[in-house]
C-alpha atoms as a PDB file:
ATOM      1  CA  MET A   1       5.841 -42.485 -48.885  1.00  0.00           C
ATOM      2  CA  PHE A   2       9.435 -42.848 -49.944  1.00  0.00           C
ATOM      3  CA  MET A   3      11.415 -39.918 -49.132  1.00  0.00           C
ATOM      4  CA  ARG A   4      15.198 -39.674 -50.471  1.00  0.00           C
ATOM      5  CA  PRO A   5      18.108 -39.593 -48.137  1.00  0.00           C
ATOM      6  CA  ALA A   6      19.092 -36.427 -48.712  1.00  0.00           C
ATOM      7  CA  VAL A   7      15.770 -34.904 -47.990  1.00  0.00           C
ATOM      8  CA  CYS A   8      15.625 -37.177 -44.645  1.00  0.00           C
ATOM      9  CA  LEU A   9      18.735 -35.920 -43.373  1.00  0.00           C
ATOM     10  CA  ALA A  10      17.937 -32.432 -44.075  1.00  0.00           C
ATOM     11  CA  LEU A  11      14.611 -32.791 -42.350  1.00  0.00           C
ATOM     12  CA  LEU A  12      16.377 -34.642 -39.279  1.00  0.00           C
ATOM     13  CA  SER A  13      18.816 -32.026 -39.360  1.00  0.00           C
ATOM     14  CA  CYS A  14      16.072 -29.161 -38.964  1.00  0.00           C
ATOM     15  CA  LEU A  15      14.265 -31.093 -36.093  1.00  0.00           C
ATOM     16  CA  ILE A  16      17.264 -31.552 -33.979  1.00  0.00           C
ATOM     17  CA  ALA A  17      18.405 -27.748 -34.304  1.00  0.00           C
ATOM     18  CA  GLY A  18      14.791 -26.913 -33.451  1.00  0.00           C
ATOM     19  CA  GLY A  19      14.880 -28.967 -30.612  1.00  0.00           C
ATOM     20  CA  ALA A  20      18.201 -27.612 -29.357  1.00  0.00           C
ATOM     21  CA  GLY A  21      17.192 -24.064 -29.458  1.00  0.00           C
ATOM     22  CA  ALA A  22      13.942 -24.627 -27.704  1.00  0.00           C
ATOM     23  CA  GLN A  23      15.514 -25.358 -24.206  1.00  0.00           C
ATOM     24  CA  THR A  24      18.259 -22.580 -23.949  1.00  0.00           C
ATOM     25  CA  ILE A  25      18.777 -22.325 -20.049  1.00  0.00           C
ATOM     26  CA  GLU A  26      19.030 -18.795 -18.496  1.00  0.00           C
ATOM     27  CA  VAL A  27      21.603 -19.008 -15.719  1.00  0.00           C
ATOM     28  CA  VAL A  28      21.087 -15.947 -13.147  1.00  0.00           C
ATOM     29  CA  THR A  29      23.282 -15.084 -10.123  1.00  0.00           C
ATOM     30  CA  GLU A  30      24.275 -12.265  -7.938  1.00  0.00           C
ATOM     31  CA  ASP A  31      27.619 -10.750  -7.190  1.00  0.00           C
ATOM     32  CA  GLY A  32      29.168 -12.403  -3.919  1.00  0.00           C
ATOM     33  CA  ALA A  33      31.678 -14.584  -2.483  1.00  0.00           C
ATOM     34  CA  TYR A  34      30.454 -17.603  -4.602  1.00  0.00           C
ATOM     35  CA  SER A  35      29.664 -15.930  -7.829  1.00  0.00           C
ATOM     36  CA  TYR A  36      31.012 -12.638  -9.070  1.00  0.00           C
ATOM     37  CA  VAL A  37      32.412 -11.183 -12.842  1.00  0.00           C
ATOM     38  CA  ARG A  38      36.166 -11.493 -13.664  1.00  0.00           C
ATOM     39  CA  ASP A  39      37.556 -10.350 -16.885  1.00  0.00           C
ATOM     40  CA  GLY A  40      34.011 -10.241 -18.313  1.00  0.00           C
ATOM     41  CA  LYS A  41      32.746 -13.744 -17.504  1.00  0.00           C
ATOM     42  CA  VAL A  42      30.504 -15.024 -14.433  1.00  0.00           C
ATOM     43  CA  THR A  43      32.749 -16.803 -12.461  1.00  0.00           C
ATOM     44  CA  GLY A  44      33.307 -17.780  -8.658  1.00  0.00           C
ATOM     45  CA  VAL A  45      33.464 -21.293  -7.003  1.00  0.00           C
ATOM     46  CA  ALA A  46      29.502 -21.809  -7.339  1.00  0.00           C
ATOM     47  CA  SER A  47      29.450 -20.737 -11.050  1.00  0.00           C
ATOM     48  CA  THR A  48      32.314 -23.338 -11.618  1.00  0.00           C
ATOM     49  CA  ILE A  49      30.048 -26.116  -9.666  1.00  0.00           C
ATOM     50  CA  VAL A  50      26.995 -25.030 -11.848  1.00  0.00           C
ATOM     51  CA  GLU A  51      28.734 -25.071 -15.107  1.00  0.00           C
ATOM     52  CA  ALA A  52      30.157 -28.616 -14.200  1.00  0.00           C
ATOM     53  CA  THR A  53      26.596 -30.005 -13.475  1.00  0.00           C
ATOM     54  CA  LEU A  54      25.154 -28.395 -16.687  1.00  0.00           C
ATOM     55  CA  ARG A  55      27.906 -30.496 -18.501  1.00  0.00           C
ATOM     56  CA  GLU A  56      27.364 -33.595 -16.764  1.00  0.00           C
ATOM     57  CA  ALA A  57      23.837 -33.280 -17.503  1.00  0.00           C
ATOM     58  CA  GLY A  58      24.505 -32.723 -21.228  1.00  0.00           C
ATOM     59  CA  LEU A  59      22.689 -29.291 -21.050  1.00  0.00           C
ATOM     60  CA  THR A  60      25.188 -26.983 -23.075  1.00  0.00           C
ATOM     61  CA  ASP A  61      22.640 -24.647 -24.428  1.00  0.00           C
ATOM     62  CA  TYR A  62      22.765 -21.891 -21.705  1.00  0.00           C
ATOM     63  CA  GLU A  63      23.776 -18.460 -20.798  1.00  0.00           C
ATOM     64  CA  MET A  64      25.016 -16.669 -17.689  1.00  0.00           C
ATOM     65  CA  SER A  65      24.227 -13.508 -16.399  1.00  0.00           C
ATOM     66  CA  LEU A  66      24.692 -11.830 -13.009  1.00  0.00           C
ATOM     67  CA  TYR A  67      22.055  -9.394 -11.643  1.00  0.00           C
ATOM     68  CA  PRO A  68      21.245  -7.556  -8.421  1.00  0.00           C
ATOM     69  CA  TRP A  69      19.592 -10.157  -6.400  1.00  0.00           C
ATOM     70  CA  ALA A  70      16.020  -8.956  -6.430  1.00  0.00           C
ATOM     71  CA  ARG A  71      16.256  -9.019 -10.220  1.00  0.00           C
ATOM     72  CA  ALA A  72      17.654 -12.419 -10.592  1.00  0.00           C
ATOM     73  CA  TYR A  73      15.139 -13.901  -7.813  1.00  0.00           C
ATOM     74  CA  ASP A  74      12.260 -12.205 -10.282  1.00  0.00           C
ATOM     75  CA  ARG A  75      13.571 -13.782 -13.294  1.00  0.00           C
ATOM     76  CA  ALA A  76      13.605 -17.295 -11.731  1.00  0.00           C
ATOM     77  CA  ARG A  77      10.042 -16.423 -10.327  1.00  0.00           C
ATOM     78  CA  MET A  78       8.481 -15.586 -13.610  1.00  0.00           C
ATOM     79  CA  ASN A  79      10.171 -17.173 -16.459  1.00  0.00           C
ATOM     80  CA  ALA A  80      10.558 -20.866 -17.367  1.00  0.00           C
ATOM     81  CA  ASP A  81      13.979 -22.317 -17.723  1.00  0.00           C
ATOM     82  CA  VAL A  82      16.023 -20.340 -15.304  1.00  0.00           C
ATOM     83  CA  LEU A  83      18.486 -21.678 -13.061  1.00  0.00           C
ATOM     84  CA  ILE A  84      19.301 -19.514 -10.085  1.00  0.00           C
ATOM     85  CA  TYR A  85      22.026 -19.938  -7.685  1.00  0.00           C
ATOM     86  CA  PRO A  86      23.217 -19.633  -4.788  1.00  0.00           C
ATOM     87  CA  ILE A  87      19.916 -19.463  -3.499  1.00  0.00           C
ATOM     88  CA  VAL A  88      18.641 -20.103  -0.007  1.00  0.00           C
ATOM     89  CA  ARG A  89      16.210 -22.855   0.537  1.00  0.00           C
ATOM     90  CA  THR A  90      13.408 -21.807   2.958  1.00  0.00           C
ATOM     91  CA  ALA A  91       9.869 -23.101   3.824  1.00  0.00           C
ATOM     92  CA  GLU A  92       8.640 -19.859   2.125  1.00  0.00           C
ATOM     93  CA  ARG A  93      10.198 -20.704  -1.104  1.00  0.00           C
ATOM     94  CA  GLU A  94       9.759 -24.538  -0.930  1.00  0.00           C
ATOM     95  CA  SER A  95       6.972 -24.314  -3.633  1.00  0.00           C
ATOM     96  CA  LEU A  96       8.319 -21.694  -5.731  1.00  0.00           C
ATOM     97  CA  PHE A  97      11.110 -23.478  -7.381  1.00  0.00           C
ATOM     98  CA  LYS A  98      12.381 -26.993  -8.294  1.00  0.00           C
ATOM     99  CA  TRP A  99      15.309 -27.576  -6.102  1.00  0.00           C
ATOM    100  CA  VAL A 100      18.678 -29.181  -7.657  1.00  0.00           C
ATOM    101  CA  GLY A 101      21.004 -29.392  -4.779  1.00  0.00           C
ATOM    102  CA  GLN A 102      22.928 -27.729  -1.803  1.00  0.00           C
ATOM    103  CA  ILE A 103      26.186 -26.465  -2.613  1.00  0.00           C
ATOM    104  CA  THR A 104      27.286 -25.371   0.956  1.00  0.00           C
ATOM    105  CA  ARG A 105      26.153 -23.995   4.509  1.00  0.00           C
ATOM    106  CA  VAL A 106      27.322 -20.719   5.485  1.00  0.00           C
ATOM    107  CA  ASP A 107      26.747 -19.003   8.988  1.00  0.00           C
ATOM    108  CA  PRO A 108      26.790 -15.103   9.042  1.00  0.00           C
ATOM    109  CA  GLN A 109      28.244 -12.739  11.619  1.00  0.00           C
ATOM    110  CA  PHE A 110      27.701  -9.152  12.202  1.00  0.00           C
ATOM    111  CA  TYR A 111      30.515  -7.036  10.970  1.00  0.00           C
ATOM    112  CA  LYS A 112      31.529  -3.504  12.086  1.00  0.00           C
ATOM    113  CA  LEU A 113      34.737  -1.145  11.341  1.00  0.00           C
ATOM    114  CA  ARG A 114      37.087  -2.152  13.679  1.00  0.00           C
ATOM    115  CA  GLU A 115      38.105   1.632  14.429  1.00  0.00           C
ATOM    116  CA  ARG A 116      34.438   1.796  15.568  1.00  0.00           C
ATOM    117  CA  THR A 117      34.972   1.251  19.477  1.00  0.00           C
ATOM    118  CA  ASP A 118      31.590   3.135  19.972  1.00  0.00           C
ATOM    119  CA  ILE A 119      29.637   0.049  18.760  1.00  0.00           C
ATOM    120  CA  VAL A 120      29.545  -2.844  20.949  1.00  0.00           C
ATOM    121  CA  VAL A 121      27.555  -6.065  20.321  1.00  0.00           C
ATOM    122  CA  LYS A 122      27.447  -8.638  23.056  1.00  0.00           C
ATOM    123  CA  ARG A 123      23.957 -10.058  22.333  1.00  0.00           C
ATOM    124  CA  VAL A 124      21.291  -9.742  19.540  1.00  0.00           C
ATOM    125  CA  GLU A 125      19.369  -7.132  21.385  1.00  0.00           C
ATOM    126  CA  ASP A 126      22.470  -4.546  21.234  1.00  0.00           C
ATOM    127  CA  ALA A 127      22.537  -5.297  17.323  1.00  0.00           C
ATOM    128  CA  ARG A 128      18.851  -4.010  17.125  1.00  0.00           C
ATOM    129  CA  GLY A 129      20.070  -0.600  18.303  1.00  0.00           C
ATOM    130  CA  TYR A 130      21.776  -0.002  15.334  1.00  0.00           C
ATOM    131  CA  SER A 131      21.852   0.784  11.627  1.00  0.00           C
ATOM    132  CA  VAL A 132      22.019  -2.543   9.785  1.00  0.00           C
ATOM    133  CA  GLY A 133      23.101  -2.881   5.759  1.00  0.00           C
ATOM    134  CA  VAL A 134      21.159  -5.752   3.926  1.00  0.00           C
ATOM    135  CA  VAL A 135      20.356  -6.480   0.311  1.00  0.00           C
ATOM    136  CA  ARG A 136      17.071  -6.088  -0.851  1.00  0.00           C
ATOM    137  CA  ASP A 137      14.850  -9.472  -0.847  1.00  0.00           C
ATOM    138  CA  ASP A 138      18.111 -11.393   0.486  1.00  0.00           C
ATOM    139  CA  MET A 139      17.401 -14.122   3.140  1.00  0.00           C
ATOM    140  CA  ARG A 140      19.498 -11.969   5.691  1.00  0.00           C
ATOM    141  CA  GLN A 141      16.977  -9.197   5.283  1.00  0.00           C
ATOM    142  CA  GLN A 142      14.027 -11.619   6.034  1.00  0.00           C
ATOM    143  CA  ALA A 143      15.536 -13.257   8.752  1.00  0.00           C
ATOM    144  CA  LEU A 144      16.227  -9.792  10.428  1.00  0.00           C
ATOM    145  CA  GLN A 145      13.063  -8.613  10.091  1.00  0.00           C
ATOM    146  CA  ALA A 146      11.615 -11.807  11.488  1.00  0.00           C
ATOM    147  CA  MET A 147      13.995 -11.082  14.436  1.00  0.00           C
ATOM    148  CA  GLY A 148      12.216  -7.690  14.914  1.00  0.00           C
ATOM    149  CA  PHE A 149      15.346  -5.451  13.294  1.00  0.00           C
ATOM    150  CA  THR A 150      13.790  -2.378  12.174  1.00  0.00           C
ATOM    151  CA  ARG A 151      16.797  -0.351  11.536  1.00  0.00           C
ATOM    152  CA  MET A 152      17.740  -1.881   8.107  1.00  0.00           C
ATOM    153  CA  VAL A 153      19.251   0.146   5.097  1.00  0.00           C
ATOM    154  CA  VAL A 154      18.665  -1.566   1.962  1.00  0.00           C
ATOM    155  CA  SER A 155      20.982  -1.904  -0.878  1.00  0.00           C
ATOM    156  CA  ALA A 156      20.794  -3.732  -4.287  1.00  0.00           C
ATOM    157  CA  THR A 157      23.915  -5.506  -4.340  1.00  0.00           C
ATOM    158  CA  ASN A 158      26.693  -6.689  -1.901  1.00  0.00           C
ATOM    159  CA  ALA A 159      29.101  -4.380  -3.075  1.00  0.00           C
ATOM    160  CA  GLU A 160      26.833  -1.455  -2.573  1.00  0.00           C
ATOM    161  CA  ASN A 161      25.971  -2.717   1.167  1.00  0.00           C
ATOM    162  CA  PHE A 162      29.447  -3.222   1.867  1.00  0.00           C
ATOM    163  CA  ARG A 163      30.420   0.448   0.764  1.00  0.00           C
ATOM    164  CA  LYS A 164      27.760   1.757   2.946  1.00  0.00           C
ATOM    165  CA  LEU A 165      29.495   0.147   5.758  1.00  0.00           C
ATOM    166  CA  LEU A 166      32.486   1.673   4.879  1.00  0.00           C
ATOM    167  CA  ASN A 167      31.434   5.059   4.226  1.00  0.00           C
ATOM    168  CA  ARG A 168      29.414   4.937   7.724  1.00  0.00           C
ATOM    169  CA  GLN A 169      26.344   5.033   6.249  1.00  0.00           C
ATOM    170  CA  VAL A 170      25.402   1.679   8.202  1.00  0.00           C
ATOM    171  CA  GLN A 171      26.774   0.490  11.482  1.00  0.00           C
ATOM    172  CA  LEU A 172      26.715  -3.310  11.068  1.00  0.00           C
ATOM    173  CA  VAL A 173      26.646  -6.011   8.172  1.00  0.00           C
ATOM    174  CA  PRO A 174      25.508  -9.567   8.477  1.00  0.00           C
ATOM    175  CA  MET A 175      27.951 -11.475   6.466  1.00  0.00           C
ATOM    176  CA  PRO A 176      29.793 -14.941   6.170  1.00  0.00           C
ATOM    177  CA  GLU A 177      33.546 -14.575   6.783  1.00  0.00           C
ATOM    178  CA  ARG A 178      34.095 -15.544   2.965  1.00  0.00           C
ATOM    179  CA  ASP A 179      32.051 -12.615   1.803  1.00  0.00           C
ATOM    180  CA  ALA A 180      33.591 -10.370   4.212  1.00  0.00           C
ATOM    181  CA  ARG A 181      37.063 -11.451   3.179  1.00  0.00           C
ATOM    182  CA  LEU A 182      35.942 -10.795  -0.723  1.00  0.00           C
ATOM    183  CA  GLN A 183      34.406  -7.509  -0.184  1.00  0.00           C
ATOM    184  CA  ALA A 184      37.473  -6.182   1.800  1.00  0.00           C
ATOM    185  CA  GLN A 185      39.709  -7.391  -1.091  1.00  0.00           C
ATOM    186  CA  ALA A 186      37.612  -5.633  -3.926  1.00  0.00           C
ATOM    187  CA  ALA A 187      37.524  -2.679  -1.732  1.00  0.00           C
ATOM    188  CA  HIS A 188      41.110  -2.538  -1.581  1.00  0.00           C
ATOM    189  CA  ILE A 189      41.156  -2.614   2.296  1.00  0.00           C
ATOM    190  CA  ALA A 190      42.506  -4.954   5.129  1.00  0.00           C
ATOM    191  CA  PHE A 191      40.262  -7.556   6.268  1.00  0.00           C
ATOM    192  CA  SER A 192      41.717  -6.772   9.635  1.00  0.00           C
ATOM    193  CA  ASP A 193      39.924  -3.447   9.286  1.00  0.00           C
ATOM    194  CA  LEU A 194      36.679  -5.239  10.140  1.00  0.00           C
ATOM    195  CA  GLU A 195      35.488  -6.932  13.211  1.00  0.00           C
ATOM    196  CA  ALA A 196      33.192  -9.620  13.684  1.00  0.00           C
ATOM    197  CA  VAL A 197      31.142  -8.669  16.837  1.00  0.00           C
ATOM    198  CA  TYR A 198      28.051 -11.255  16.832  1.00  0.00           C
ATOM    199  CA  SER A 199      27.875 -14.486  15.435  1.00  0.00           C
ATOM    200  CA  LEU A 200      24.352 -15.356  13.872  1.00  0.00           C
ATOM    201  CA  GLY A 201      25.238 -19.021  13.937  1.00  0.00           C
ATOM    202  CA  ASP A 202      21.605 -19.898  14.763  1.00  0.00           C
ATOM    203  CA  GLN A 203      20.437 -17.793  11.468  1.00  0.00           C
ATOM    204  CA  GLY A 204      23.045 -19.916   9.451  1.00  0.00           C
ATOM    205  CA  TYR A 205      21.714 -21.376   5.867  1.00  0.00           C
ATOM    206  CA  SER A 206      22.641 -23.405   2.970  1.00  0.00           C
ATOM    207  CA  LEU A 207      23.228 -22.297  -0.388  1.00  0.00           C
ATOM    208  CA  TYR A 208      21.219 -24.186  -3.263  1.00  0.00           C
ATOM    209  CA  VAL A 209      21.034 -24.269  -7.161  1.00  0.00           C
ATOM    210  CA  ALA A 210      17.391 -24.339  -8.183  1.00  0.00           C
ATOM    211  CA  PHE A 211      15.226 -23.951 -11.558  1.00  0.00           C
ATOM    212  CA  SER A 212      12.218 -21.817 -11.922  1.00  0.00           C
ATOM    213  CA  ASN A 213       8.944 -23.561 -11.151  1.00  0.00           C
ATOM    214  CA  THR A 214       7.565 -24.023 -14.588  1.00  0.00           C
ATOM    215  CA  THR A 215      10.820 -25.627 -15.974  1.00  0.00           C
ATOM    216  CA  SER A 216       9.986 -29.173 -17.160  1.00  0.00           C
ATOM    217  CA  ASP A 217      10.554 -31.974 -14.809  1.00  0.00           C
ATOM    218  CA  GLU A 218      12.646 -33.891 -17.502  1.00  0.00           C
ATOM    219  CA  MET A 219      15.495 -31.173 -17.510  1.00  0.00           C
ATOM    220  CA  VAL A 220      15.346 -30.453 -13.641  1.00  0.00           C
ATOM    221  CA  GLN A 221      15.685 -34.389 -13.331  1.00  0.00           C
ATOM    222  CA  ARG A 222      18.811 -34.352 -15.625  1.00  0.00           C
ATOM    223  CA  MET A 223      20.299 -31.725 -13.538  1.00  0.00           C
ATOM    224  CA  VAL A 224      19.569 -33.290  -9.820  1.00  0.00           C
ATOM    225  CA  ALA A 225      21.087 -36.575 -11.348  1.00  0.00           C
ATOM    226  CA  ALA A 226      23.800 -34.742 -12.632  1.00  0.00           C
ATOM    227  CA  PHE A 227      24.290 -33.066  -9.287  1.00  0.00           C
ATOM    228  CA  GLU A 228      24.160 -36.089  -7.252  1.00  0.00           C
ATOM    229  CA  ARG A 229      26.904 -37.632  -9.219  1.00  0.00           C
ATOM    230  CA  LEU A 230      29.101 -34.685  -8.673  1.00  0.00           C
ATOM    231  CA  LYS A 231      28.496 -34.662  -5.086  1.00  0.00           C
ATOM    232  CA  ALA A 232      28.940 -38.614  -4.798  1.00  0.00           C
ATOM    233  CA  ASN A 233      32.387 -38.619  -6.638  1.00  0.00           C
ATOM    234  CA  GLY A 234      33.852 -35.680  -4.587  1.00  0.00           C
ATOM    235  CA  THR A 235      33.926 -33.185  -7.594  1.00  0.00           C
ATOM    236  CA  VAL A 236      31.798 -30.411  -5.378  1.00  0.00           C
ATOM    237  CA  GLN A 237      33.889 -30.888  -2.221  1.00  0.00           C
ATOM    238  CA  ARG A 238      36.950 -30.467  -4.045  1.00  0.00           C
ATOM    239  CA  LEU A 239      35.997 -27.382  -6.000  1.00  0.00           C
ATOM    240  CA  LEU A 240      35.011 -26.014  -2.772  1.00  0.00           C
ATOM    241  CA  ASP A 241      38.288 -26.863  -1.043  1.00  0.00           C
ATOM    242  CA  GLU A 242      40.287 -25.670  -4.039  1.00  0.00           C
ATOM    243  CA  ASP A 243      38.734 -22.170  -3.581  1.00  0.00           C
ATOM    244  CA  ARG A 244      39.260 -21.617  -0.170  1.00  0.00           C
END
């Protein structure tokens, strides 16, 4: 059957529009040192890396949102076409997500208020005797539970967790130095008002970008290939270095 060119073009436009709208990616993250909201926009070095990867992959139909960690994690667990970052890759999570690539590695430390001279931590057993602030469903909460910590106070966000340290509602908070500096800046206190009292170096972890498990393999592979190109040409490391 012969179809006039104008009709063919109209039909093609509809098909393209329909296909473009079928795979809108929901990009979710939490507030922290690598992703946060500034001037109404989700930003931070991890966000910059993720957006650069999406562009490199030709995946331009996406929406970025910042949630409390537990909510972001649940959305990525339950829905298709959800990209989550930064997320720690663990054996328990391995089969729950489709992994894109590693952004960086971090090593947390226990921080206290420097003025709290009554808090002394020389070994991990000492830390178990103090109240520790953690974020709900965060890797640090899970790791400390596995280490026998029972006096944990759970918050929804990193900012809320840090406020509890400042308000003396908790005595210790496990954070990488980068997070501690950012939280101190946001709270308008000097970083020197905090003191790192014990390194959890053996509990260090890597931060990844990952897709929900029901996302199409084709979309995941496009992101994986794009991320590997940006790693290989130095873009990822350059962005990390510029943000130090």
